[in-house]
Amino acid sequence: MKKEEIEQLVEQGKMLPLMEEFYTIQGEGYHKGTAAYFIRIGGCDVGCHWCDVKESWDAEKHPPTATETIVENAIKYSKTIVVTGGEPLTWDMTELTNQLKDKGAQTHIETSGAYELTGIWDWICLSPKKLKLPTQKVYDQANELKVIVFNKHDLKFAEEQATKVNKDCILYLQPEWSVRDKVVPMIVDYVMQNPQWKVSLQTHKYLNIP
């Protein structure tokens, strides 16, 4: 297939730059502890300095893969599918979610919300970043807000973000892994004083699983 044809299919969402796919336990947020199949899509220009999957940023390093193939692989393992990245909304998610829904899957996305919301989602985990704030549509539809806490200034950012999401959105503060020993006590104190928030931990890292 010619490069131009592949680029057109990627633009249409019929192919996606697939970084990795794996069946594991959801480690974060509302659905932590549940089995799910993860589809990690390459490509992200948000550029968080503490990102733990920087290898996902350059989409050209990850082969364009037929969306149909991605879906067939996923549903062999689970009906709960988590699409993550990179930033999956860099690409049109309509085709992927349509095919997953046709197979009876529950579709979850983990996103910074920086780009237009495409696709049909049963659960939207919004993790906003200061460098590129979410679109209003993602704020409106987010099921959970997960703010990564690297230092005390992130608590102020979290409160600013909480004013923008819908009233039913569940609020989480999650320590950035590399500074967890430093920020966990601060987060615990904050949540105890502000119980509208919950603590999210990266439990998959404690379990030593993907």
C-alpha atoms as a PDB file:
ATOM      1  CA  MET A   1       0.000   0.000   0.000  1.00  0.00           C
ATOM      2  CA  LYS A   2       1.319   3.443  -0.928  1.00  0.00           C
ATOM      3  CA  LYS A   3       2.292   5.907   1.775  1.00  0.00           C
ATOM      4  CA  GLU A   4      -0.407   8.342   0.640  1.00  0.00           C
ATOM      5  CA  GLU A   5      -3.077   5.648   0.903  1.00  0.00           C
ATOM      6  CA  ILE A   6      -1.958   4.721   4.418  1.00  0.00           C
ATOM      7  CA  GLU A   7      -1.974   8.374   5.486  1.00  0.00           C
ATOM      8  CA  GLN A   8      -5.513   8.748   4.167  1.00  0.00           C
ATOM      9  CA  LEU A   9      -6.702   5.658   6.061  1.00  0.00           C
ATOM     10  CA  VAL A  10      -5.082   6.956   9.250  1.00  0.00           C
ATOM     11  CA  GLU A  11      -6.799  10.296   8.782  1.00  0.00           C
ATOM     12  CA  GLN A  12     -10.121   8.462   8.440  1.00  0.00           C
ATOM     13  CA  GLY A  13      -9.448   6.350  11.528  1.00  0.00           C
ATOM     14  CA  LYS A  14      -9.452   3.136   9.503  1.00  0.00           C
ATOM     15  CA  MET A  15      -5.830   2.628  10.495  1.00  0.00           C
ATOM     16  CA  LEU A  16      -4.202   3.840  13.712  1.00  0.00           C
ATOM     17  CA  PRO A  17      -0.575   4.101  14.900  1.00  0.00           C
ATOM     18  CA  LEU A  18      -0.613   1.223  17.359  1.00  0.00           C
ATOM     19  CA  MET A  19       2.117   1.336  19.988  1.00  0.00           C
ATOM     20  CA  GLU A  20       1.049  -1.653  22.060  1.00  0.00           C
ATOM     21  CA  GLU A  21      -1.965  -3.664  23.183  1.00  0.00           C
ATOM     22  CA  PHE A  22      -2.263  -5.838  26.257  1.00  0.00           C
ATOM     23  CA  TYR A  23      -4.695  -7.479  28.656  1.00  0.00           C
ATOM     24  CA  THR A  24      -4.169  -6.507  32.276  1.00  0.00           C
ATOM     25  CA  ILE A  25      -5.758  -5.030  35.391  1.00  0.00           C
ATOM     26  CA  GLN A  26      -6.832  -1.388  35.332  1.00  0.00           C
ATOM     27  CA  GLY A  27      -4.590   0.275  37.867  1.00  0.00           C
ATOM     28  CA  GLU A  28      -6.038   3.762  38.191  1.00  0.00           C
ATOM     29  CA  GLY A  29      -9.196   5.696  38.899  1.00  0.00           C
ATOM     30  CA  TYR A  30     -12.762   4.487  39.230  1.00  0.00           C
ATOM     31  CA  HIS A  31     -12.284   1.098  37.531  1.00  0.00           C
ATOM     32  CA  LYS A  32      -9.055   0.122  39.303  1.00  0.00           C
ATOM     33  CA  GLY A  33      -8.779  -3.572  40.030  1.00  0.00           C
ATOM     34  CA  THR A  34     -10.875  -4.686  37.056  1.00  0.00           C
ATOM     35  CA  ALA A  35      -9.633  -6.657  34.064  1.00  0.00           C
ATOM     36  CA  ALA A  36      -9.429  -4.689  30.828  1.00  0.00           C
ATOM     37  CA  TYR A  37      -7.770  -4.770  27.429  1.00  0.00           C
ATOM     38  CA  PHE A  38      -5.615  -1.718  26.730  1.00  0.00           C
ATOM     39  CA  ILE A  39      -5.027  -0.241  23.290  1.00  0.00           C
ATOM     40  CA  ARG A  40      -2.198   2.301  23.368  1.00  0.00           C
ATOM     41  CA  ILE A  41      -2.213   4.638  20.391  1.00  0.00           C
ATOM     42  CA  GLY A  42       0.963   6.484  19.420  1.00  0.00           C
ATOM     43  CA  GLY A  43       1.154  10.223  18.952  1.00  0.00           C
ATOM     44  CA  CYS A  44       1.093  13.065  21.485  1.00  0.00           C
ATOM     45  CA  ASP A  45       2.284  16.667  21.393  1.00  0.00           C
ATOM     46  CA  VAL A  46       1.110  17.697  24.873  1.00  0.00           C
ATOM     47  CA  GLY A  47       4.601  16.952  26.194  1.00  0.00           C
ATOM     48  CA  CYS A  48       4.344  16.385  29.954  1.00  0.00           C
ATOM     49  CA  HIS A  49       7.856  16.290  31.423  1.00  0.00           C
ATOM     50  CA  TRP A  50       6.908  13.472  33.827  1.00  0.00           C
ATOM     51  CA  CYS A  51       5.170  11.286  31.213  1.00  0.00           C
ATOM     52  CA  ASP A  52       6.039   7.625  31.806  1.00  0.00           C
ATOM     53  CA  VAL A  53       5.425   6.627  28.166  1.00  0.00           C
ATOM     54  CA  LYS A  54       7.428   9.254  26.268  1.00  0.00           C
ATOM     55  CA  GLU A  55       8.115   6.581  23.641  1.00  0.00           C
ATOM     56  CA  SER A  56       4.480   7.014  22.613  1.00  0.00           C
ATOM     57  CA  TRP A  57       4.907  10.642  21.546  1.00  0.00           C
ATOM     58  CA  ASP A  58       6.248  10.109  18.018  1.00  0.00           C
ATOM     59  CA  ALA A  59       3.438   8.488  16.018  1.00  0.00           C
ATOM     60  CA  GLU A  60       5.804   7.676  13.155  1.00  0.00           C
ATOM     61  CA  LYS A  61       7.587   5.149  15.359  1.00  0.00           C
ATOM     62  CA  HIS A  62       4.407   3.079  15.654  1.00  0.00           C
ATOM     63  CA  PRO A  63       3.072   1.139  12.660  1.00  0.00           C
ATOM     64  CA  PRO A  64      -0.298   2.139  11.188  1.00  0.00           C
ATOM     65  CA  THR A  65      -2.485  -0.871  11.945  1.00  0.00           C
ATOM     66  CA  ALA A  66      -5.898  -1.677  10.504  1.00  0.00           C
ATOM     67  CA  THR A  67      -8.565  -0.692  13.003  1.00  0.00           C
ATOM     68  CA  GLU A  68     -10.419  -3.921  12.250  1.00  0.00           C
ATOM     69  CA  THR A  69      -7.337  -5.910  13.302  1.00  0.00           C
ATOM     70  CA  ILE A  70      -7.012  -3.917  16.545  1.00  0.00           C
ATOM     71  CA  VAL A  71     -10.664  -4.620  17.367  1.00  0.00           C
ATOM     72  CA  GLU A  72     -10.429  -8.339  16.582  1.00  0.00           C
ATOM     73  CA  ASN A  73      -7.394  -8.685  18.841  1.00  0.00           C
ATOM     74  CA  ALA A  74      -9.079  -6.805  21.676  1.00  0.00           C
ATOM     75  CA  ILE A  75     -12.377  -8.659  21.866  1.00  0.00           C
ATOM     76  CA  LYS A  76     -10.617 -12.023  22.153  1.00  0.00           C
ATOM     77  CA  TYR A  77      -9.661 -11.001  25.667  1.00  0.00           C
ATOM     78  CA  SER A  78     -12.242  -8.638  27.131  1.00  0.00           C
ATOM     79  CA  LYS A  79     -15.415  -6.654  26.593  1.00  0.00           C
ATOM     80  CA  THR A  80     -13.902  -3.764  28.568  1.00  0.00           C
ATOM     81  CA  ILE A  81     -11.570  -1.867  26.260  1.00  0.00           C
ATOM     82  CA  VAL A  82      -9.423   1.057  27.406  1.00  0.00           C
ATOM     83  CA  VAL A  83      -8.023   3.326  24.698  1.00  0.00           C
ATOM     84  CA  THR A  84      -5.016   5.304  25.871  1.00  0.00           C
ATOM     85  CA  GLY A  85      -1.850   6.842  24.531  1.00  0.00           C
ATOM     86  CA  GLY A  86      -0.033   9.007  23.772  1.00  0.00           C
ATOM     87  CA  GLU A  87      -3.066  11.144  23.202  1.00  0.00           C
ATOM     88  CA  PRO A  88      -5.690   9.013  21.430  1.00  0.00           C
ATOM     89  CA  LEU A  89      -7.826  12.021  20.457  1.00  0.00           C
ATOM     90  CA  THR A  90      -5.007  13.097  18.159  1.00  0.00           C
ATOM     91  CA  TRP A  91      -6.815  10.710  15.810  1.00  0.00           C
ATOM     92  CA  ASP A  92     -10.456  10.183  14.855  1.00  0.00           C
ATOM     93  CA  MET A  93     -11.778   7.531  17.235  1.00  0.00           C
ATOM     94  CA  THR A  94     -15.147   7.123  15.478  1.00  0.00           C
ATOM     95  CA  GLU A  95     -14.271   4.030  13.449  1.00  0.00           C
ATOM     96  CA  LEU A  96     -12.552   2.279  16.344  1.00  0.00           C
ATOM     97  CA  THR A  97     -15.403   2.791  18.793  1.00  0.00           C
ATOM     98  CA  ASN A  98     -18.092   1.968  16.227  1.00  0.00           C
ATOM     99  CA  GLN A  99     -16.443  -1.378  15.566  1.00  0.00           C
ATOM    100  CA  LEU A 100     -15.935  -2.062  19.275  1.00  0.00           C
ATOM    101  CA  LYS A 101     -19.568  -1.227  20.058  1.00  0.00           C
ATOM    102  CA  ASP A 102     -20.678  -3.521  17.219  1.00  0.00           C
ATOM    103  CA  LYS A 103     -18.868  -6.296  19.108  1.00  0.00           C
ATOM    104  CA  GLY A 104     -20.640  -5.439  22.358  1.00  0.00           C
ATOM    105  CA  ALA A 105     -17.628  -3.855  24.034  1.00  0.00           C
ATOM    106  CA  GLN A 106     -17.562  -1.236  26.767  1.00  0.00           C
ATOM    107  CA  THR A 107     -15.374   1.611  25.517  1.00  0.00           C
ATOM    108  CA  HIS A 108     -13.213   3.611  27.916  1.00  0.00           C
ATOM    109  CA  ILE A 109     -10.762   6.385  27.026  1.00  0.00           C
ATOM    110  CA  GLU A 110      -7.939   8.004  28.960  1.00  0.00           C
ATOM    111  CA  THR A 111      -7.278  11.450  27.523  1.00  0.00           C
ATOM    112  CA  SER A 112      -5.878  14.885  28.221  1.00  0.00           C
ATOM    113  CA  GLY A 113      -8.930  16.201  26.371  1.00  0.00           C
ATOM    114  CA  ALA A 114      -6.759  18.556  24.346  1.00  0.00           C
ATOM    115  CA  TYR A 115      -8.394  17.648  21.042  1.00  0.00           C
ATOM    116  CA  GLU A 116     -11.905  17.309  19.699  1.00  0.00           C
ATOM    117  CA  LEU A 117     -13.824  14.441  21.289  1.00  0.00           C
ATOM    118  CA  THR A 118     -14.539  11.757  18.706  1.00  0.00           C
ATOM    119  CA  GLY A 119     -15.943   8.275  19.194  1.00  0.00           C
ATOM    120  CA  ILE A 120     -18.624   6.706  21.385  1.00  0.00           C
ATOM    121  CA  TRP A 121     -17.497   6.260  24.985  1.00  0.00           C
ATOM    122  CA  ASP A 122     -18.998   4.519  27.989  1.00  0.00           C
ATOM    123  CA  TRP A 123     -16.379   6.056  30.259  1.00  0.00           C
ATOM    124  CA  ILE A 124     -14.170   9.116  29.812  1.00  0.00           C
ATOM    125  CA  CYS A 125     -11.214   9.582  32.144  1.00  0.00           C
ATOM    126  CA  LEU A 126     -10.030  13.160  31.712  1.00  0.00           C
ATOM    127  CA  SER A 127      -6.498  13.917  32.883  1.00  0.00           C
ATOM    128  CA  PRO A 128      -5.956  17.578  31.932  1.00  0.00           C
ATOM    129  CA  LYS A 129      -2.532  19.067  31.359  1.00  0.00           C
ATOM    130  CA  LYS A 130      -1.533  22.698  31.860  1.00  0.00           C
ATOM    131  CA  LEU A 131       0.267  22.938  28.534  1.00  0.00           C
ATOM    132  CA  LYS A 132      -2.850  22.181  26.478  1.00  0.00           C
ATOM    133  CA  LEU A 133      -6.171  22.450  28.266  1.00  0.00           C
ATOM    134  CA  PRO A 134      -9.198  20.290  27.407  1.00  0.00           C
ATOM    135  CA  THR A 135     -11.957  21.223  25.005  1.00  0.00           C
ATOM    136  CA  GLN A 136     -15.326  22.112  26.518  1.00  0.00           C
ATOM    137  CA  LYS A 137     -16.990  18.997  25.127  1.00  0.00           C
ATOM    138  CA  VAL A 138     -14.592  16.754  27.050  1.00  0.00           C
ATOM    139  CA  TYR A 139     -15.181  18.724  30.251  1.00  0.00           C
ATOM    140  CA  ASP A 140     -18.925  18.333  29.715  1.00  0.00           C
ATOM    141  CA  GLN A 141     -18.816  14.575  29.169  1.00  0.00           C
ATOM    142  CA  ALA A 142     -15.999  13.442  31.479  1.00  0.00           C
ATOM    143  CA  ASN A 143     -16.942  10.698  33.953  1.00  0.00           C
ATOM    144  CA  GLU A 144     -13.829  11.172  36.042  1.00  0.00           C
ATOM    145  CA  LEU A 145     -11.299  13.960  36.421  1.00  0.00           C
ATOM    146  CA  LYS A 146      -7.836  12.678  37.296  1.00  0.00           C
ATOM    147  CA  VAL A 147      -5.281  15.348  38.104  1.00  0.00           C
ATOM    148  CA  ILE A 148      -1.653  14.276  38.430  1.00  0.00           C
ATOM    149  CA  VAL A 149       0.031  15.919  41.401  1.00  0.00           C
ATOM    150  CA  PHE A 150       3.739  16.656  41.056  1.00  0.00           C
ATOM    151  CA  ASN A 151       3.852  19.558  43.531  1.00  0.00           C
ATOM    152  CA  LYS A 152       1.563  21.763  45.635  1.00  0.00           C
ATOM    153  CA  HIS A 153       0.747  24.029  42.692  1.00  0.00           C
ATOM    154  CA  ASP A 154      -1.077  21.132  41.049  1.00  0.00           C
ATOM    155  CA  LEU A 155      -3.711  21.246  43.792  1.00  0.00           C
ATOM    156  CA  LYS A 156      -4.692  24.757  42.688  1.00  0.00           C
ATOM    157  CA  PHE A 157      -4.798  23.553  39.097  1.00  0.00           C
ATOM    158  CA  ALA A 158      -6.997  20.646  40.180  1.00  0.00           C
ATOM    159  CA  GLU A 159      -9.525  22.975  41.772  1.00  0.00           C
ATOM    160  CA  GLU A 160      -9.579  25.145  38.646  1.00  0.00           C
ATOM    161  CA  GLN A 161     -10.253  22.080  36.519  1.00  0.00           C
ATOM    162  CA  ALA A 162     -12.961  20.825  38.875  1.00  0.00           C
ATOM    163  CA  THR A 163     -15.000  23.976  38.227  1.00  0.00           C
ATOM    164  CA  LYS A 164     -15.158  23.119  34.518  1.00  0.00           C
ATOM    165  CA  VAL A 165     -16.391  19.517  34.584  1.00  0.00           C
ATOM    166  CA  ASN A 166     -20.003  18.371  34.944  1.00  0.00           C
ATOM    167  CA  LYS A 167     -21.526  17.962  38.419  1.00  0.00           C
ATOM    168  CA  ASP A 168     -21.471  14.144  38.274  1.00  0.00           C
ATOM    169  CA  CYS A 169     -17.789  13.884  37.388  1.00  0.00           C
ATOM    170  CA  ILE A 170     -15.761  11.987  40.031  1.00  0.00           C
ATOM    171  CA  LEU A 171     -12.704  13.912  41.210  1.00  0.00           C
ATOM    172  CA  TYR A 172      -9.322  12.204  41.701  1.00  0.00           C
ATOM    173  CA  LEU A 173      -5.879  13.368  42.766  1.00  0.00           C
ATOM    174  CA  GLN A 174      -3.088  11.022  41.731  1.00  0.00           C
ATOM    175  CA  PRO A 175       0.534  11.321  42.889  1.00  0.00           C
ATOM    176  CA  GLU A 176       3.101  11.440  40.142  1.00  0.00           C
ATOM    177  CA  TRP A 177       5.017   8.193  40.578  1.00  0.00           C
ATOM    178  CA  SER A 178       8.557   9.558  40.789  1.00  0.00           C
ATOM    179  CA  VAL A 179       7.686  11.891  43.684  1.00  0.00           C
ATOM    180  CA  ARG A 180       5.011   9.782  45.361  1.00  0.00           C
ATOM    181  CA  ASP A 181       6.773   9.620  48.733  1.00  0.00           C
ATOM    182  CA  LYS A 182       6.876  13.406  48.834  1.00  0.00           C
ATOM    183  CA  VAL A 183       3.366  14.221  47.608  1.00  0.00           C
ATOM    184  CA  VAL A 184       1.240  11.392  49.044  1.00  0.00           C
ATOM    185  CA  PRO A 185       1.082  12.925  52.550  1.00  0.00           C
ATOM    186  CA  MET A 186       0.108  16.264  51.012  1.00  0.00           C
ATOM    187  CA  ILE A 187      -2.634  14.628  48.920  1.00  0.00           C
ATOM    188  CA  VAL A 188      -3.968  12.643  51.875  1.00  0.00           C
ATOM    189  CA  ASP A 189      -4.215  15.802  53.982  1.00  0.00           C
ATOM    190  CA  TYR A 190      -5.871  17.670  51.139  1.00  0.00           C
ATOM    191  CA  VAL A 191      -8.498  14.988  50.510  1.00  0.00           C
ATOM    192  CA  MET A 192      -9.293  14.777  54.204  1.00  0.00           C
ATOM    193  CA  GLN A 193      -9.917  18.515  54.194  1.00  0.00           C
ATOM    194  CA  ASN A 194     -11.676  18.454  50.823  1.00  0.00           C
ATOM    195  CA  PRO A 195     -13.637  15.182  50.733  1.00  0.00           C
ATOM    196  CA  GLN A 196     -15.185  15.891  47.349  1.00  0.00           C
ATOM    197  CA  TRP A 197     -11.831  14.560  46.064  1.00  0.00           C
ATOM    198  CA  LYS A 198     -10.604  10.955  46.146  1.00  0.00           C
ATOM    199  CA  VAL A 199      -7.079   9.540  46.010  1.00  0.00           C
ATOM    200  CA  SER A 200      -6.077   7.567  42.913  1.00  0.00           C
ATOM    201  CA  LEU A 201      -2.941   5.434  43.032  1.00  0.00           C
ATOM    202  CA  GLN A 202      -1.142   3.666  40.204  1.00  0.00           C
ATOM    203  CA  THR A 203      -1.879   0.293  41.738  1.00  0.00           C
ATOM    204  CA  HIS A 204      -0.601  -1.593  38.688  1.00  0.00           C
ATOM    205  CA  LYS A 205       2.892  -0.350  39.519  1.00  0.00           C
ATOM    206  CA  TYR A 206       2.598  -1.639  43.074  1.00  0.00           C
ATOM    207  CA  LEU A 207       1.399  -4.961  41.615  1.00  0.00           C
ATOM    208  CA  ASN A 208       4.299  -4.915  39.120  1.00  0.00           C
ATOM    209  CA  ILE A 209       2.049  -5.500  36.115  1.00  0.00           C
ATOM    210  CA  PRO A 210       1.687  -3.514  32.837  1.00  0.00           C
END
